[in-house]
Amino acid sequence: MIKKAFRMKLFSGYEQEYTRRHQDLWPEMRQMLKEHGAHTYSIFFDAQTNDLFGYLEIEDEQRWQEVAETAINQKWWHYMADIMETNPDASPKTIDLKHVFDLG
Protein backbone atom coordinates (compact mmCIF):
# COMPACT_ATOMS: atom_id res chain seq x y z
CA MET A 1 0.00 0.00 0.00
CA ILE A 2 1.26 3.49 -0.88
CA LYS A 3 0.65 6.22 1.72
CA LYS A 4 0.08 9.77 0.51
CA ALA A 5 -0.53 13.01 2.39
CA PHE A 6 -1.09 16.56 1.22
CA ARG A 7 -2.21 19.98 2.36
CA MET A 8 -4.83 22.26 0.77
CA LYS A 9 -6.30 25.61 1.76
CA LEU A 10 -9.97 26.32 2.46
CA PHE A 11 -11.31 29.84 2.16
CA SER A 12 -12.19 31.35 5.54
CA GLY A 13 -15.71 30.65 6.74
CA TYR A 14 -16.36 27.58 4.59
CA GLU A 15 -15.64 24.72 7.00
CA GLN A 16 -19.31 23.76 7.37
CA GLU A 17 -19.93 23.90 3.62
CA TYR A 18 -16.81 21.85 2.88
CA THR A 19 -17.89 19.28 5.47
CA ARG A 20 -21.45 19.18 4.10
CA ARG A 21 -20.25 18.62 0.53
CA HIS A 22 -18.06 15.73 1.64
CA GLN A 23 -20.78 14.20 3.80
CA ASP A 24 -22.92 14.22 0.66
CA LEU A 25 -20.12 12.92 -1.58
CA TRP A 26 -21.62 11.82 -4.87
CA PRO A 27 -21.88 8.00 -5.09
CA GLU A 28 -20.20 8.03 -8.52
CA MET A 29 -17.26 10.01 -7.05
CA ARG A 30 -16.91 7.52 -4.18
CA GLN A 31 -17.03 4.62 -6.65
CA MET A 32 -14.44 6.21 -8.97
CA LEU A 33 -11.99 6.69 -6.07
CA LYS A 34 -12.33 3.05 -5.08
CA GLU A 35 -11.96 1.90 -8.70
CA HIS A 36 -8.69 3.84 -8.89
CA GLY A 37 -7.27 2.04 -5.88
CA ALA A 38 -8.06 4.29 -2.91
CA HIS A 39 -8.45 2.09 0.18
CA THR A 40 -8.65 4.85 2.74
CA TYR A 41 -9.07 8.59 2.28
CA SER A 42 -9.38 11.05 5.16
CA ILE A 43 -9.36 14.84 5.28
CA PHE A 44 -8.76 16.89 8.44
CA PHE A 45 -9.29 20.63 9.01
CA ASP A 46 -7.05 23.03 10.97
CA ALA A 47 -9.30 25.88 12.14
CA GLN A 48 -6.32 28.11 13.03
CA THR A 49 -4.91 28.13 9.48
CA ASN A 50 -7.84 26.98 7.29
CA ASP A 51 -5.54 24.20 6.07
CA LEU A 52 -6.96 20.86 5.00
CA PHE A 53 -4.78 17.80 5.52
CA GLY A 54 -5.51 14.83 3.28
CA TYR A 55 -4.32 11.29 3.89
CA LEU A 56 -4.92 8.30 1.66
CA GLU A 57 -3.66 4.83 0.97
CA ILE A 58 -3.61 3.70 -2.65
CA GLU A 59 -2.64 0.59 -4.58
CA ASP A 60 -0.76 2.13 -7.50
CA GLU A 61 0.59 5.63 -8.18
CA GLN A 62 -0.07 5.58 -11.95
CA ARG A 63 -3.63 4.40 -11.48
CA TRP A 64 -4.15 7.12 -8.86
CA GLN A 65 -2.84 9.80 -11.24
CA GLU A 66 -5.59 8.84 -13.70
CA VAL A 67 -8.19 10.14 -11.23
CA ALA A 68 -7.50 13.71 -12.37
CA GLU A 69 -8.60 12.88 -15.92
CA THR A 70 -11.97 11.36 -15.05
CA ALA A 71 -15.10 13.34 -15.90
CA ILE A 72 -16.53 12.96 -12.40
CA ASN A 73 -13.34 14.27 -10.81
CA GLN A 74 -13.29 17.26 -13.16
CA LYS A 75 -16.92 17.96 -12.19
CA TRP A 76 -16.01 17.70 -8.47
CA TRP A 77 -13.11 20.12 -8.84
CA HIS A 78 -15.40 22.73 -10.39
CA TYR A 79 -18.00 22.10 -7.69
CA MET A 80 -15.41 22.77 -4.97
CA ALA A 81 -13.58 25.69 -6.62
CA ASP A 82 -15.73 28.38 -4.99
CA ILE A 83 -14.67 27.47 -1.44
CA MET A 84 -10.97 26.63 -1.69
CA GLU A 85 -7.72 27.65 -3.35
CA THR A 86 -7.46 26.16 -6.83
CA ASN A 87 -5.26 26.10 -9.90
CA PRO A 88 -6.43 27.53 -13.26
CA ASP A 89 -7.87 24.09 -14.20
CA ALA A 90 -10.00 24.12 -10.98
CA SER A 91 -7.86 21.41 -9.34
CA PRO A 92 -7.17 22.16 -5.69
CA LYS A 93 -3.80 23.70 -4.94
CA THR A 94 -2.00 20.98 -3.04
CA ILE A 95 1.31 20.63 -1.29
CA ASP A 96 2.51 17.04 -1.08
CA LEU A 97 3.83 16.07 2.34
CA LYS A 98 6.78 13.74 2.76
CA HIS A 99 6.19 10.52 4.68
CA VAL A 100 8.77 10.34 7.46
CA PHE A 101 7.49 7.95 10.15
CA ASP A 102 5.31 4.92 10.87
CA LEU A 103 4.79 3.43 14.32
CA GLY A 104 4.07 -0.08 13.08
C-alpha atoms as a PDB file:
ATOM      1  CA  MET A   1       0.000   0.000   0.000  1.00  0.00           C
ATOM      2  CA  ILE A   2       1.260   3.486  -0.877  1.00  0.00           C
ATOM      3  CA  LYS A   3       0.648   6.221   1.717  1.00  0.00           C
ATOM      4  CA  LYS A   4       0.075   9.771   0.507  1.00  0.00           C
ATOM      5  CA  ALA A   5      -0.526  13.009   2.391  1.00  0.00           C
ATOM      6  CA  PHE A   6      -1.086  16.564   1.221  1.00  0.00           C
ATOM      7  CA  ARG A   7      -2.213  19.983   2.358  1.00  0.00           C
ATOM      8  CA  MET A   8      -4.829  22.255   0.769  1.00  0.00           C
ATOM      9  CA  LYS A   9      -6.300  25.615   1.761  1.00  0.00           C
ATOM     10  CA  LEU A  10      -9.967  26.315   2.458  1.00  0.00           C
ATOM     11  CA  PHE A  11     -11.313  29.841   2.158  1.00  0.00           C
ATOM     12  CA  SER A  12     -12.188  31.355   5.541  1.00  0.00           C
ATOM     13  CA  GLY A  13     -15.712  30.654   6.742  1.00  0.00           C
ATOM     14  CA  TYR A  14     -16.360  27.577   4.592  1.00  0.00           C
ATOM     15  CA  GLU A  15     -15.640  24.720   6.996  1.00  0.00           C
ATOM     16  CA  GLN A  16     -19.307  23.763   7.369  1.00  0.00           C
ATOM     17  CA  GLU A  17     -19.925  23.898   3.624  1.00  0.00           C
ATOM     18  CA  TYR A  18     -16.806  21.852   2.884  1.00  0.00           C
ATOM     19  CA  THR A  19     -17.886  19.277   5.467  1.00  0.00           C
ATOM     20  CA  ARG A  20     -21.450  19.179   4.098  1.00  0.00           C
ATOM     21  CA  ARG A  21     -20.253  18.615   0.534  1.00  0.00           C
ATOM     22  CA  HIS A  22     -18.058  15.731   1.640  1.00  0.00           C
ATOM     23  CA  GLN A  23     -20.777  14.196   3.804  1.00  0.00           C
ATOM     24  CA  ASP A  24     -22.918  14.225   0.657  1.00  0.00           C
ATOM     25  CA  LEU A  25     -20.122  12.919  -1.584  1.00  0.00           C
ATOM     26  CA  TRP A  26     -21.621  11.819  -4.872  1.00  0.00           C
ATOM     27  CA  PRO A  27     -21.881   8.004  -5.093  1.00  0.00           C
ATOM     28  CA  GLU A  28     -20.199   8.030  -8.516  1.00  0.00           C
ATOM     29  CA  MET A  29     -17.262  10.006  -7.050  1.00  0.00           C
ATOM     30  CA  ARG A  30     -16.909   7.518  -4.184  1.00  0.00           C
ATOM     31  CA  GLN A  31     -17.027   4.621  -6.652  1.00  0.00           C
ATOM     32  CA  MET A  32     -14.442   6.206  -8.971  1.00  0.00           C
ATOM     33  CA  LEU A  33     -11.994   6.686  -6.073  1.00  0.00           C
ATOM     34  CA  LYS A  34     -12.329   3.046  -5.081  1.00  0.00           C
ATOM     35  CA  GLU A  35     -11.964   1.904  -8.698  1.00  0.00           C
ATOM     36  CA  HIS A  36      -8.693   3.837  -8.887  1.00  0.00           C
ATOM     37  CA  GLY A  37      -7.275   2.037  -5.877  1.00  0.00           C
ATOM     38  CA  ALA A  38      -8.064   4.290  -2.909  1.00  0.00           C
ATOM     39  CA  HIS A  39      -8.451   2.091   0.184  1.00  0.00           C
ATOM     40  CA  THR A  40      -8.652   4.849   2.743  1.00  0.00           C
ATOM     41  CA  TYR A  41      -9.065   8.589   2.282  1.00  0.00           C
ATOM     42  CA  SER A  42      -9.380  11.051   5.161  1.00  0.00           C
ATOM     43  CA  ILE A  43      -9.359  14.840   5.281  1.00  0.00           C
ATOM     44  CA  PHE A  44      -8.761  16.892   8.436  1.00  0.00           C
ATOM     45  CA  PHE A  45      -9.295  20.633   9.008  1.00  0.00           C
ATOM     46  CA  ASP A  46      -7.051  23.025  10.974  1.00  0.00           C
ATOM     47  CA  ALA A  47      -9.303  25.884  12.138  1.00  0.00           C
ATOM     48  CA  GLN A  48      -6.322  28.108  13.026  1.00  0.00           C
ATOM     49  CA  THR A  49      -4.914  28.125   9.484  1.00  0.00           C
ATOM     50  CA  ASN A  50      -7.839  26.976   7.289  1.00  0.00           C
ATOM     51  CA  ASP A  51      -5.542  24.198   6.074  1.00  0.00           C
ATOM     52  CA  LEU A  52      -6.957  20.860   5.004  1.00  0.00           C
ATOM     53  CA  PHE A  53      -4.776  17.798   5.524  1.00  0.00           C
ATOM     54  CA  GLY A  54      -5.511  14.829   3.283  1.00  0.00           C
ATOM     55  CA  TYR A  55      -4.317  11.290   3.894  1.00  0.00           C
ATOM     56  CA  LEU A  56      -4.915   8.304   1.665  1.00  0.00           C
ATOM     57  CA  GLU A  57      -3.664   4.832   0.967  1.00  0.00           C
ATOM     58  CA  ILE A  58      -3.606   3.702  -2.654  1.00  0.00           C
ATOM     59  CA  GLU A  59      -2.636   0.592  -4.585  1.00  0.00           C
ATOM     60  CA  ASP A  60      -0.760   2.129  -7.503  1.00  0.00           C
ATOM     61  CA  GLU A  61       0.591   5.629  -8.182  1.00  0.00           C
ATOM     62  CA  GLN A  62      -0.070   5.580 -11.945  1.00  0.00           C
ATOM     63  CA  ARG A  63      -3.634   4.396 -11.477  1.00  0.00           C
ATOM     64  CA  TRP A  64      -4.151   7.121  -8.863  1.00  0.00           C
ATOM     65  CA  GLN A  65      -2.839   9.802 -11.235  1.00  0.00           C
ATOM     66  CA  GLU A  66      -5.586   8.841 -13.703  1.00  0.00           C
ATOM     67  CA  VAL A  67      -8.191  10.138 -11.229  1.00  0.00           C
ATOM     68  CA  ALA A  68      -7.495  13.710 -12.370  1.00  0.00           C
ATOM     69  CA  GLU A  69      -8.597  12.881 -15.916  1.00  0.00           C
ATOM     70  CA  THR A  70     -11.975  11.362 -15.047  1.00  0.00           C
ATOM     71  CA  ALA A  71     -15.097  13.336 -15.901  1.00  0.00           C
ATOM     72  CA  ILE A  72     -16.532  12.958 -12.399  1.00  0.00           C
ATOM     73  CA  ASN A  73     -13.345  14.268 -10.806  1.00  0.00           C
ATOM     74  CA  GLN A  74     -13.288  17.265 -13.156  1.00  0.00           C
ATOM     75  CA  LYS A  75     -16.923  17.964 -12.194  1.00  0.00           C
ATOM     76  CA  TRP A  76     -16.010  17.698  -8.465  1.00  0.00           C
ATOM     77  CA  TRP A  77     -13.109  20.116  -8.837  1.00  0.00           C
ATOM     78  CA  HIS A  78     -15.398  22.730 -10.392  1.00  0.00           C
ATOM     79  CA  TYR A  79     -18.001  22.105  -7.687  1.00  0.00           C
ATOM     80  CA  MET A  80     -15.410  22.769  -4.966  1.00  0.00           C
ATOM     81  CA  ALA A  81     -13.578  25.692  -6.617  1.00  0.00           C
ATOM     82  CA  ASP A  82     -15.734  28.384  -4.994  1.00  0.00           C
ATOM     83  CA  ILE A  83     -14.673  27.473  -1.442  1.00  0.00           C
ATOM     84  CA  MET A  84     -10.967  26.628  -1.685  1.00  0.00           C
ATOM     85  CA  GLU A  85      -7.718  27.647  -3.353  1.00  0.00           C
ATOM     86  CA  THR A  86      -7.460  26.159  -6.831  1.00  0.00           C
ATOM     87  CA  ASN A  87      -5.257  26.101  -9.899  1.00  0.00           C
ATOM     88  CA  PRO A  88      -6.433  27.525 -13.256  1.00  0.00           C
ATOM     89  CA  ASP A  89      -7.873  24.090 -14.199  1.00  0.00           C
ATOM     90  CA  ALA A  90     -10.000  24.124 -10.976  1.00  0.00           C
ATOM     91  CA  SER A  91      -7.863  21.412  -9.341  1.00  0.00           C
ATOM     92  CA  PRO A  92      -7.166  22.162  -5.694  1.00  0.00           C
ATOM     93  CA  LYS A  93      -3.799  23.696  -4.944  1.00  0.00           C
ATOM     94  CA  THR A  94      -2.004  20.976  -3.041  1.00  0.00           C
ATOM     95  CA  ILE A  95       1.309  20.628  -1.291  1.00  0.00           C
ATOM     96  CA  ASP A  96       2.505  17.036  -1.076  1.00  0.00           C
ATOM     97  CA  LEU A  97       3.828  16.068   2.339  1.00  0.00           C
ATOM     98  CA  LYS A  98       6.785  13.736   2.763  1.00  0.00           C
ATOM     99  CA  HIS A  99       6.187  10.522   4.684  1.00  0.00           C
ATOM    100  CA  VAL A 100       8.770  10.337   7.463  1.00  0.00           C
ATOM    101  CA  PHE A 101       7.494   7.947  10.150  1.00  0.00           C
ATOM    102  CA  ASP A 102       5.307   4.918  10.874  1.00  0.00           C
ATOM    103  CA  LEU A 103       4.787   3.426  14.321  1.00  0.00           C
ATOM    104  CA  GLY A 104       4.066  -0.076  13.080  1.00  0.00           C
END
